[in-house]
Amino acid sequence: MRRRLYFVLPDLASAIQTSNDLLLARIGDEHLHFLGRRGMSLGNLHEASYLQKSDVVRGAEMGFVIGGVLGTLVGTWLYLTQTTAMPFQMAVVLIAAVIGSLFCAWAGSLVAVSTPNSRLARFGKDMDAGRILLMVDVPGPRVEEITALVAQRHPESIAHGMEATVPAFP
């Protein structure tokens, strides 16, 4: 299981050097995600994807749950208020719940794609000041090794802890 470590780096030169050191420590480029203020050039660094920058995953999850509840309520209402002209089976509740979940997950992700990631809100001031956020996904047993490596070789970096698990999509 991978853990996500967060570091704030003061400038692009420090970010490039940190990236090189982590690559030499056998952390693949696909596990390094850099994020700066909007419009900031990160050169050849592996920039964070839209899934990592935005709240699209959280929006889809919330939409899925809310849509499931609303779909269940609509399906139950349809089942309980049926007329003899249009009889419904109990399966209408399940079908409405599935359709509601899928539709609201899709709609929630569309809305959330333009919303900044709520997990990264604590780094907003640093990024606005021109600093660069580094998210590193490392295997659980290497967390202390990588944290010590970055602290030793880059004392200018600020460690901001880790997430217990790396989200499945971003």
N, C-alpha and C. Protein backbone atom coordinates (compact mmCIF):
# COMPACT_ATOMS: atom_id res chain seq x y z
N MET A 1 0.85 -1.18 0.00
CA MET A 1 0.00 0.00 0.00
C MET A 1 0.89 1.23 0.00
N ARG A 2 0.51 2.17 -0.82
CA ARG A 2 1.29 3.40 -0.95
C ARG A 2 0.75 4.49 -0.01
N ARG A 3 1.65 5.35 0.37
CA ARG A 3 1.32 6.52 1.19
C ARG A 3 1.71 7.76 0.38
N ARG A 4 0.95 8.82 0.57
CA ARG A 4 1.25 10.07 -0.13
C ARG A 4 1.90 11.04 0.85
N LEU A 5 3.13 11.46 0.52
CA LEU A 5 3.87 12.43 1.33
C LEU A 5 3.75 13.80 0.67
N TYR A 6 3.68 14.84 1.49
CA TYR A 6 3.55 16.21 1.00
C TYR A 6 4.78 17.02 1.42
N PHE A 7 5.36 17.73 0.46
CA PHE A 7 6.47 18.63 0.72
C PHE A 7 6.21 19.94 -0.01
N VAL A 8 6.57 21.05 0.62
CA VAL A 8 6.49 22.36 -0.03
C VAL A 8 7.93 22.81 -0.30
N LEU A 9 8.18 23.10 -1.58
CA LEU A 9 9.52 23.50 -2.02
C LEU A 9 9.52 24.98 -2.38
N PRO A 10 10.61 25.69 -2.11
CA PRO A 10 10.60 27.15 -2.28
C PRO A 10 10.57 27.64 -3.72
N ASP A 11 11.18 26.89 -4.66
CA ASP A 11 11.25 27.38 -6.03
C ASP A 11 11.42 26.23 -7.01
N LEU A 12 11.47 26.57 -8.29
CA LEU A 12 11.55 25.56 -9.34
C LEU A 12 12.87 24.81 -9.32
N ALA A 13 13.97 25.51 -9.05
CA ALA A 13 15.28 24.85 -9.01
C ALA A 13 15.32 23.78 -7.91
N SER A 14 14.79 24.10 -6.76
CA SER A 14 14.73 23.14 -5.66
C SER A 14 13.82 21.96 -6.03
N ALA A 15 12.73 22.23 -6.72
CA ALA A 15 11.81 21.16 -7.13
C ALA A 15 12.48 20.23 -8.13
N ILE A 16 13.23 20.77 -9.07
CA ILE A 16 13.92 19.94 -10.06
C ILE A 16 14.97 19.08 -9.38
N GLN A 17 15.74 19.66 -8.46
CA GLN A 17 16.77 18.89 -7.75
C GLN A 17 16.13 17.80 -6.88
N THR A 18 15.03 18.12 -6.23
CA THR A 18 14.33 17.12 -5.40
C THR A 18 13.81 15.99 -6.28
N SER A 19 13.28 16.33 -7.43
CA SER A 19 12.80 15.31 -8.37
C SER A 19 13.94 14.39 -8.79
N ASN A 20 15.08 14.96 -9.12
CA ASN A 20 16.24 14.16 -9.52
C ASN A 20 16.69 13.24 -8.39
N ASP A 21 16.72 13.75 -7.16
CA ASP A 21 17.13 12.93 -6.03
C ASP A 21 16.16 11.78 -5.78
N LEU A 22 14.87 12.05 -5.94
CA LEU A 22 13.87 10.99 -5.74
C LEU A 22 13.92 9.96 -6.87
N LEU A 23 14.22 10.41 -8.08
CA LEU A 23 14.39 9.46 -9.18
C LEU A 23 15.59 8.56 -8.94
N LEU A 24 16.68 9.12 -8.40
CA LEU A 24 17.85 8.32 -8.06
C LEU A 24 17.56 7.35 -6.91
N ALA A 25 16.60 7.69 -6.07
CA ALA A 25 16.20 6.81 -4.97
C ALA A 25 15.16 5.78 -5.42
N ARG A 26 14.96 5.70 -6.74
CA ARG A 26 14.07 4.73 -7.37
C ARG A 26 12.59 4.95 -7.05
N ILE A 27 12.22 6.22 -7.00
CA ILE A 27 10.80 6.58 -6.96
C ILE A 27 10.47 7.02 -8.38
N GLY A 28 9.61 6.30 -9.04
CA GLY A 28 9.31 6.57 -10.45
C GLY A 28 8.65 7.92 -10.66
N ASP A 29 8.85 8.46 -11.85
CA ASP A 29 8.30 9.77 -12.21
C ASP A 29 6.77 9.78 -12.10
N GLU A 30 6.12 8.63 -12.33
CA GLU A 30 4.66 8.56 -12.24
C GLU A 30 4.16 8.69 -10.80
N HIS A 31 5.08 8.61 -9.83
CA HIS A 31 4.71 8.75 -8.42
C HIS A 31 5.07 10.12 -7.85
N LEU A 32 5.59 11.00 -8.70
CA LEU A 32 5.92 12.37 -8.29
C LEU A 32 4.91 13.31 -8.94
N HIS A 33 4.26 14.13 -8.14
CA HIS A 33 3.24 15.04 -8.65
C HIS A 33 3.53 16.44 -8.11
N PHE A 34 3.80 17.37 -9.02
CA PHE A 34 4.13 18.74 -8.65
C PHE A 34 2.95 19.66 -8.96
N LEU A 35 2.76 20.64 -8.10
CA LEU A 35 1.66 21.58 -8.28
C LEU A 35 2.10 22.96 -7.81
N GLY A 36 1.93 23.94 -8.68
CA GLY A 36 2.25 25.32 -8.34
C GLY A 36 1.02 26.18 -8.52
N ARG A 37 1.20 27.49 -8.40
CA ARG A 37 0.05 28.37 -8.59
C ARG A 37 -0.41 28.31 -10.04
N ARG A 38 -1.60 28.72 -10.27
CA ARG A 38 -2.19 28.67 -11.62
C ARG A 38 -1.34 29.48 -12.60
N GLY A 39 -1.02 28.87 -13.74
CA GLY A 39 -0.24 29.53 -14.77
C GLY A 39 1.27 29.42 -14.59
N MET A 40 1.71 28.81 -13.51
CA MET A 40 3.14 28.68 -13.26
C MET A 40 3.72 27.53 -14.09
N SER A 41 4.84 27.79 -14.75
CA SER A 41 5.49 26.76 -15.54
C SER A 41 6.32 25.87 -14.63
N LEU A 42 6.15 24.56 -14.79
CA LEU A 42 6.91 23.60 -13.99
C LEU A 42 7.99 22.91 -14.82
N GLY A 43 8.24 23.39 -16.01
CA GLY A 43 9.29 22.81 -16.85
C GLY A 43 8.99 21.36 -17.19
N ASN A 44 9.96 20.50 -16.99
CA ASN A 44 9.82 19.08 -17.30
C ASN A 44 9.31 18.25 -16.13
N LEU A 45 8.94 18.89 -15.05
CA LEU A 45 8.44 18.15 -13.89
C LEU A 45 7.09 17.52 -14.19
N HIS A 46 6.81 16.43 -13.55
CA HIS A 46 5.54 15.71 -13.73
C HIS A 46 4.44 16.47 -12.97
N GLU A 47 3.63 17.19 -13.72
CA GLU A 47 2.57 18.01 -13.10
C GLU A 47 1.43 17.13 -12.62
N ALA A 48 0.80 17.55 -11.54
CA ALA A 48 -0.36 16.83 -11.00
C ALA A 48 -1.48 16.83 -12.04
N SER A 49 -2.23 15.73 -12.10
CA SER A 49 -3.32 15.60 -13.07
C SER A 49 -4.57 16.32 -12.56
N TYR A 50 -5.56 16.40 -13.44
CA TYR A 50 -6.83 17.02 -13.05
C TYR A 50 -7.48 16.26 -11.89
N LEU A 51 -7.30 14.95 -11.85
CA LEU A 51 -7.87 14.18 -10.74
C LEU A 51 -7.23 14.57 -9.41
N GLN A 52 -5.96 14.98 -9.44
CA GLN A 52 -5.28 15.38 -8.21
C GLN A 52 -5.49 16.85 -7.89
N LYS A 53 -5.69 17.69 -8.92
CA LYS A 53 -5.87 19.12 -8.70
C LYS A 53 -7.30 19.48 -8.32
N SER A 54 -8.25 18.71 -8.78
CA SER A 54 -9.65 19.07 -8.58
C SER A 54 -10.33 18.09 -7.62
N ASP A 55 -11.56 18.40 -7.29
CA ASP A 55 -12.34 17.57 -6.37
C ASP A 55 -13.25 16.60 -7.13
N VAL A 56 -12.85 16.18 -8.32
CA VAL A 56 -13.71 15.35 -9.16
C VAL A 56 -14.03 14.01 -8.50
N VAL A 57 -13.09 13.40 -7.83
CA VAL A 57 -13.34 12.10 -7.18
C VAL A 57 -14.32 12.28 -6.02
N ARG A 58 -14.09 13.29 -5.21
CA ARG A 58 -14.99 13.55 -4.08
C ARG A 58 -16.40 13.89 -4.57
N GLY A 59 -16.49 14.68 -5.64
CA GLY A 59 -17.78 15.03 -6.21
C GLY A 59 -18.53 13.82 -6.73
N ALA A 60 -17.81 12.92 -7.40
CA ALA A 60 -18.43 11.70 -7.91
C ALA A 60 -18.90 10.80 -6.76
N GLU A 61 -18.09 10.70 -5.72
CA GLU A 61 -18.48 9.89 -4.57
C GLU A 61 -19.73 10.45 -3.89
N MET A 62 -19.72 11.75 -3.66
CA MET A 62 -20.89 12.37 -3.02
C MET A 62 -22.13 12.25 -3.90
N GLY A 63 -21.97 12.46 -5.22
CA GLY A 63 -23.09 12.33 -6.14
C GLY A 63 -23.62 10.91 -6.16
N PHE A 64 -22.75 9.93 -6.09
CA PHE A 64 -23.16 8.53 -6.09
C PHE A 64 -24.04 8.22 -4.88
N VAL A 65 -23.61 8.67 -3.71
CA VAL A 65 -24.37 8.41 -2.48
C VAL A 65 -25.70 9.17 -2.49
N ILE A 66 -25.65 10.45 -2.79
CA ILE A 66 -26.87 11.26 -2.80
C ILE A 66 -27.84 10.75 -3.87
N GLY A 67 -27.33 10.41 -5.05
CA GLY A 67 -28.17 9.87 -6.11
C GLY A 67 -28.79 8.54 -5.74
N GLY A 68 -28.04 7.71 -5.03
CA GLY A 68 -28.60 6.43 -4.58
C GLY A 68 -29.75 6.61 -3.61
N VAL A 69 -29.58 7.55 -2.68
CA VAL A 69 -30.65 7.82 -1.71
C VAL A 69 -31.87 8.40 -2.41
N LEU A 70 -31.63 9.40 -3.27
CA LEU A 70 -32.77 10.01 -3.99
C LEU A 70 -33.44 9.00 -4.93
N GLY A 71 -32.66 8.18 -5.60
CA GLY A 71 -33.23 7.17 -6.47
C GLY A 71 -34.06 6.15 -5.71
N THR A 72 -33.59 5.78 -4.53
CA THR A 72 -34.36 4.85 -3.70
C THR A 72 -35.67 5.48 -3.26
N LEU A 73 -35.62 6.75 -2.89
CA LEU A 73 -36.85 7.44 -2.49
C LEU A 73 -37.84 7.55 -3.65
N VAL A 74 -37.35 7.91 -4.83
CA VAL A 74 -38.23 8.01 -6.00
C VAL A 74 -38.79 6.65 -6.38
N GLY A 75 -37.95 5.63 -6.35
CA GLY A 75 -38.42 4.28 -6.66
C GLY A 75 -39.46 3.79 -5.67
N THR A 76 -39.25 4.08 -4.39
CA THR A 76 -40.23 3.70 -3.37
C THR A 76 -41.54 4.45 -3.58
N TRP A 77 -41.44 5.74 -3.90
CA TRP A 77 -42.65 6.53 -4.16
C TRP A 77 -43.40 5.97 -5.37
N LEU A 78 -42.67 5.63 -6.44
CA LEU A 78 -43.32 5.04 -7.61
C LEU A 78 -44.02 3.73 -7.27
N TYR A 79 -43.36 2.92 -6.48
CA TYR A 79 -43.92 1.62 -6.11
C TYR A 79 -45.17 1.78 -5.25
N LEU A 80 -45.13 2.71 -4.30
CA LEU A 80 -46.25 2.88 -3.37
C LEU A 80 -47.43 3.62 -3.99
N THR A 81 -47.18 4.44 -4.99
CA THR A 81 -48.27 5.22 -5.59
C THR A 81 -48.67 4.70 -6.97
N GLN A 82 -48.40 3.45 -7.23
CA GLN A 82 -48.73 2.90 -8.54
C GLN A 82 -50.24 2.80 -8.74
N THR A 83 -50.62 2.88 -9.99
CA THR A 83 -52.03 2.73 -10.35
C THR A 83 -52.20 1.39 -11.05
N THR A 84 -53.42 1.02 -11.24
CA THR A 84 -53.67 -0.26 -11.92
C THR A 84 -53.30 -0.19 -13.39
N ALA A 85 -53.30 1.02 -13.96
CA ALA A 85 -52.95 1.17 -15.37
C ALA A 85 -51.45 0.95 -15.61
N MET A 86 -50.62 1.22 -14.58
CA MET A 86 -49.17 1.08 -14.74
C MET A 86 -48.59 0.39 -13.49
N PRO A 87 -48.70 -0.93 -13.40
CA PRO A 87 -48.20 -1.61 -12.21
C PRO A 87 -46.67 -1.72 -12.23
N PHE A 88 -46.04 -1.50 -11.07
CA PHE A 88 -44.59 -1.60 -10.93
C PHE A 88 -44.24 -2.76 -10.01
N GLN A 89 -43.16 -3.41 -10.30
CA GLN A 89 -42.63 -4.44 -9.42
C GLN A 89 -41.73 -3.77 -8.38
N MET A 90 -41.33 -4.52 -7.38
CA MET A 90 -40.43 -3.98 -6.36
C MET A 90 -39.06 -3.65 -6.97
N ALA A 91 -38.74 -4.23 -8.11
CA ALA A 91 -37.45 -3.97 -8.77
C ALA A 91 -37.31 -2.51 -9.20
N VAL A 92 -38.42 -1.79 -9.30
CA VAL A 92 -38.35 -0.39 -9.70
C VAL A 92 -37.54 0.41 -8.67
N VAL A 93 -37.55 0.01 -7.42
CA VAL A 93 -36.77 0.71 -6.39
C VAL A 93 -35.28 0.53 -6.68
N LEU A 94 -34.88 -0.70 -6.98
CA LEU A 94 -33.46 -0.97 -7.28
C LEU A 94 -33.02 -0.27 -8.56
N ILE A 95 -33.84 -0.32 -9.57
CA ILE A 95 -33.50 0.32 -10.84
C ILE A 95 -33.37 1.84 -10.67
N ALA A 96 -34.31 2.43 -9.93
CA ALA A 96 -34.25 3.89 -9.70
C ALA A 96 -33.01 4.26 -8.88
N ALA A 97 -32.64 3.40 -7.91
CA ALA A 97 -31.45 3.68 -7.09
C ALA A 97 -30.19 3.63 -7.95
N VAL A 98 -30.09 2.64 -8.82
CA VAL A 98 -28.90 2.53 -9.68
C VAL A 98 -28.83 3.69 -10.66
N ILE A 99 -29.94 4.01 -11.30
CA ILE A 99 -29.95 5.13 -12.25
C ILE A 99 -29.64 6.44 -11.54
N GLY A 100 -30.22 6.66 -10.36
CA GLY A 100 -29.95 7.88 -9.59
C GLY A 100 -28.49 7.98 -9.19
N SER A 101 -27.90 6.86 -8.75
CA SER A 101 -26.49 6.86 -8.36
C SER A 101 -25.58 7.21 -9.52
N LEU A 102 -25.80 6.55 -10.64
CA LEU A 102 -24.93 6.79 -11.80
C LEU A 102 -25.08 8.20 -12.35
N PHE A 103 -26.31 8.67 -12.46
CA PHE A 103 -26.52 10.01 -12.98
C PHE A 103 -25.92 11.07 -12.06
N CYS A 104 -26.16 10.95 -10.77
CA CYS A 104 -25.65 11.97 -9.84
C CYS A 104 -24.13 11.88 -9.68
N ALA A 105 -23.53 10.69 -9.82
CA ALA A 105 -22.07 10.59 -9.79
C ALA A 105 -21.48 11.33 -10.99
N TRP A 106 -22.10 11.15 -12.16
CA TRP A 106 -21.64 11.85 -13.36
C TRP A 106 -21.81 13.36 -13.20
N ALA A 107 -22.99 13.79 -12.75
CA ALA A 107 -23.25 15.23 -12.58
C ALA A 107 -22.33 15.82 -11.51
N GLY A 108 -22.14 15.10 -10.41
CA GLY A 108 -21.26 15.59 -9.34
C GLY A 108 -19.83 15.75 -9.80
N SER A 109 -19.35 14.82 -10.63
CA SER A 109 -17.98 14.94 -11.12
C SER A 109 -17.84 16.10 -12.10
N LEU A 110 -18.88 16.38 -12.88
CA LEU A 110 -18.83 17.53 -13.80
C LEU A 110 -18.75 18.84 -13.04
N VAL A 111 -19.48 18.93 -11.95
CA VAL A 111 -19.45 20.15 -11.14
C VAL A 111 -18.11 20.28 -10.42
N ALA A 112 -17.61 19.17 -9.88
CA ALA A 112 -16.41 19.21 -9.05
C ALA A 112 -15.12 19.36 -9.84
N VAL A 113 -15.14 19.12 -11.14
CA VAL A 113 -13.91 19.24 -11.92
C VAL A 113 -13.37 20.67 -11.93
N SER A 114 -14.22 21.64 -11.70
CA SER A 114 -13.78 23.04 -11.67
C SER A 114 -13.53 23.55 -10.25
N THR A 115 -13.62 22.65 -9.27
CA THR A 115 -13.40 23.02 -7.88
C THR A 115 -12.02 22.53 -7.44
N PRO A 116 -11.21 23.38 -6.80
CA PRO A 116 -9.91 22.92 -6.32
C PRO A 116 -10.05 21.79 -5.30
N ASN A 117 -9.06 20.92 -5.27
CA ASN A 117 -9.07 19.77 -4.37
C ASN A 117 -9.12 20.23 -2.92
N SER A 118 -10.11 19.76 -2.19
CA SER A 118 -10.28 20.19 -0.80
C SER A 118 -9.15 19.67 0.10
N ARG A 119 -8.50 18.57 -0.28
CA ARG A 119 -7.38 18.05 0.51
C ARG A 119 -6.15 18.96 0.41
N LEU A 120 -6.08 19.74 -0.67
CA LEU A 120 -4.92 20.60 -0.89
C LEU A 120 -5.16 22.05 -0.48
N ALA A 121 -6.30 22.33 0.13
CA ALA A 121 -6.62 23.70 0.52
C ALA A 121 -5.61 24.27 1.51
N ARG A 122 -5.04 23.42 2.35
CA ARG A 122 -4.07 23.91 3.34
C ARG A 122 -2.77 24.41 2.71
N PHE A 123 -2.53 24.07 1.44
CA PHE A 123 -1.33 24.52 0.75
C PHE A 123 -1.57 25.73 -0.14
N GLY A 124 -2.76 26.27 -0.13
CA GLY A 124 -3.12 27.38 -1.01
C GLY A 124 -2.24 28.59 -0.83
N LYS A 125 -1.98 29.00 0.40
CA LYS A 125 -1.16 30.20 0.66
C LYS A 125 0.27 30.00 0.16
N ASP A 126 0.81 28.79 0.38
CA ASP A 126 2.17 28.52 -0.08
C ASP A 126 2.26 28.60 -1.60
N MET A 127 1.29 28.01 -2.29
CA MET A 127 1.33 28.02 -3.76
C MET A 127 1.09 29.44 -4.30
N ASP A 128 0.22 30.20 -3.64
CA ASP A 128 0.01 31.59 -4.06
C ASP A 128 1.27 32.43 -3.90
N ALA A 129 2.12 32.04 -2.95
CA ALA A 129 3.38 32.76 -2.72
C ALA A 129 4.48 32.32 -3.68
N GLY A 130 4.17 31.40 -4.60
CA GLY A 130 5.16 30.97 -5.60
C GLY A 130 5.88 29.69 -5.24
N ARG A 131 5.53 29.07 -4.13
CA ARG A 131 6.17 27.81 -3.77
C ARG A 131 5.51 26.67 -4.54
N ILE A 132 6.17 25.52 -4.54
CA ILE A 132 5.71 24.37 -5.30
C ILE A 132 5.40 23.22 -4.34
N LEU A 133 4.23 22.63 -4.53
CA LEU A 133 3.82 21.48 -3.73
C LEU A 133 4.27 20.21 -4.43
N LEU A 134 4.91 19.32 -3.68
CA LEU A 134 5.31 18.02 -4.19
C LEU A 134 4.53 16.95 -3.45
N MET A 135 3.84 16.11 -4.21
CA MET A 135 3.14 14.95 -3.66
C MET A 135 3.88 13.72 -4.14
N VAL A 136 4.37 12.91 -3.21
CA VAL A 136 5.13 11.71 -3.56
C VAL A 136 4.37 10.50 -3.04
N ASP A 137 4.11 9.55 -3.93
CA ASP A 137 3.45 8.30 -3.54
C ASP A 137 4.54 7.25 -3.36
N VAL A 138 4.72 6.81 -2.12
CA VAL A 138 5.79 5.84 -1.81
C VAL A 138 5.20 4.61 -1.14
N PRO A 139 5.88 3.46 -1.30
CA PRO A 139 5.44 2.27 -0.57
C PRO A 139 5.55 2.50 0.94
N GLY A 140 4.64 1.90 1.69
CA GLY A 140 4.59 2.09 3.14
C GLY A 140 5.92 1.92 3.85
N PRO A 141 6.69 0.85 3.56
CA PRO A 141 7.96 0.66 4.28
C PRO A 141 9.03 1.71 3.98
N ARG A 142 8.88 2.49 2.91
CA ARG A 142 9.90 3.47 2.53
C ARG A 142 9.57 4.90 2.97
N VAL A 143 8.49 5.08 3.71
CA VAL A 143 8.07 6.43 4.10
C VAL A 143 9.16 7.15 4.87
N GLU A 144 9.70 6.53 5.90
CA GLU A 144 10.73 7.19 6.72
C GLU A 144 12.00 7.44 5.92
N GLU A 145 12.37 6.49 5.07
CA GLU A 145 13.58 6.65 4.24
C GLU A 145 13.45 7.86 3.32
N ILE A 146 12.32 7.98 2.65
CA ILE A 146 12.13 9.08 1.70
C ILE A 146 12.01 10.41 2.43
N THR A 147 11.31 10.43 3.55
CA THR A 147 11.20 11.66 4.35
C THR A 147 12.58 12.11 4.82
N ALA A 148 13.39 11.17 5.29
CA ALA A 148 14.74 11.50 5.74
C ALA A 148 15.62 11.97 4.58
N LEU A 149 15.48 11.34 3.42
CA LEU A 149 16.26 11.73 2.25
C LEU A 149 15.96 13.17 1.84
N VAL A 150 14.68 13.51 1.77
CA VAL A 150 14.30 14.87 1.38
C VAL A 150 14.76 15.87 2.44
N ALA A 151 14.61 15.53 3.71
CA ALA A 151 15.02 16.44 4.79
C ALA A 151 16.54 16.66 4.78
N GLN A 152 17.29 15.60 4.50
CA GLN A 152 18.75 15.70 4.52
C GLN A 152 19.28 16.48 3.32
N ARG A 153 18.80 16.16 2.14
CA ARG A 153 19.33 16.79 0.93
C ARG A 153 18.70 18.13 0.60
N HIS A 154 17.52 18.38 1.17
CA HIS A 154 16.80 19.63 0.87
C HIS A 154 16.24 20.23 2.15
N PRO A 155 17.10 20.81 2.96
CA PRO A 155 16.62 21.41 4.21
C PRO A 155 15.67 22.59 3.98
N GLU A 156 15.66 23.14 2.77
CA GLU A 156 14.76 24.25 2.47
C GLU A 156 13.32 23.79 2.28
N SER A 157 13.12 22.48 2.11
CA SER A 157 11.76 21.95 1.93
C SER A 157 11.06 21.85 3.27
N ILE A 158 9.75 21.92 3.23
CA ILE A 158 8.94 21.81 4.44
C ILE A 158 8.06 20.58 4.30
N ALA A 159 8.25 19.61 5.18
CA ALA A 159 7.44 18.39 5.16
C ALA A 159 6.08 18.70 5.80
N HIS A 160 5.03 18.24 5.16
CA HIS A 160 3.68 18.47 5.66
C HIS A 160 2.94 17.17 5.92
N GLY A 161 3.66 16.13 6.30
CA GLY A 161 3.02 14.88 6.68
C GLY A 161 2.63 14.02 5.50
N MET A 162 1.68 13.11 5.79
CA MET A 162 1.27 12.16 4.77
C MET A 162 -0.20 11.82 4.91
N GLU A 163 -0.74 11.28 3.82
CA GLU A 163 -2.08 10.71 3.84
C GLU A 163 -1.94 9.25 4.15
N ALA A 164 -2.90 8.70 4.86
CA ALA A 164 -2.83 7.30 5.25
C ALA A 164 -2.78 6.37 4.04
N THR A 165 -3.57 6.64 3.05
CA THR A 165 -3.54 5.84 1.82
C THR A 165 -3.65 6.76 0.63
N VAL A 166 -3.12 6.31 -0.47
CA VAL A 166 -3.21 7.07 -1.71
C VAL A 166 -4.58 6.81 -2.31
N PRO A 167 -5.29 7.85 -2.70
CA PRO A 167 -6.58 7.64 -3.34
C PRO A 167 -6.45 6.76 -4.58
N ALA A 168 -7.45 5.96 -4.85
CA ALA A 168 -7.38 4.98 -5.93
C ALA A 168 -7.18 5.62 -7.29
N PHE A 169 -7.90 6.68 -7.60
CA PHE A 169 -7.83 7.26 -8.93
C PHE A 169 -6.69 8.25 -9.10
N PRO A 170 -6.60 9.31 -8.27
CA PRO A 170 -5.54 10.25 -8.53
C PRO A 170 -4.29 9.72 -7.94
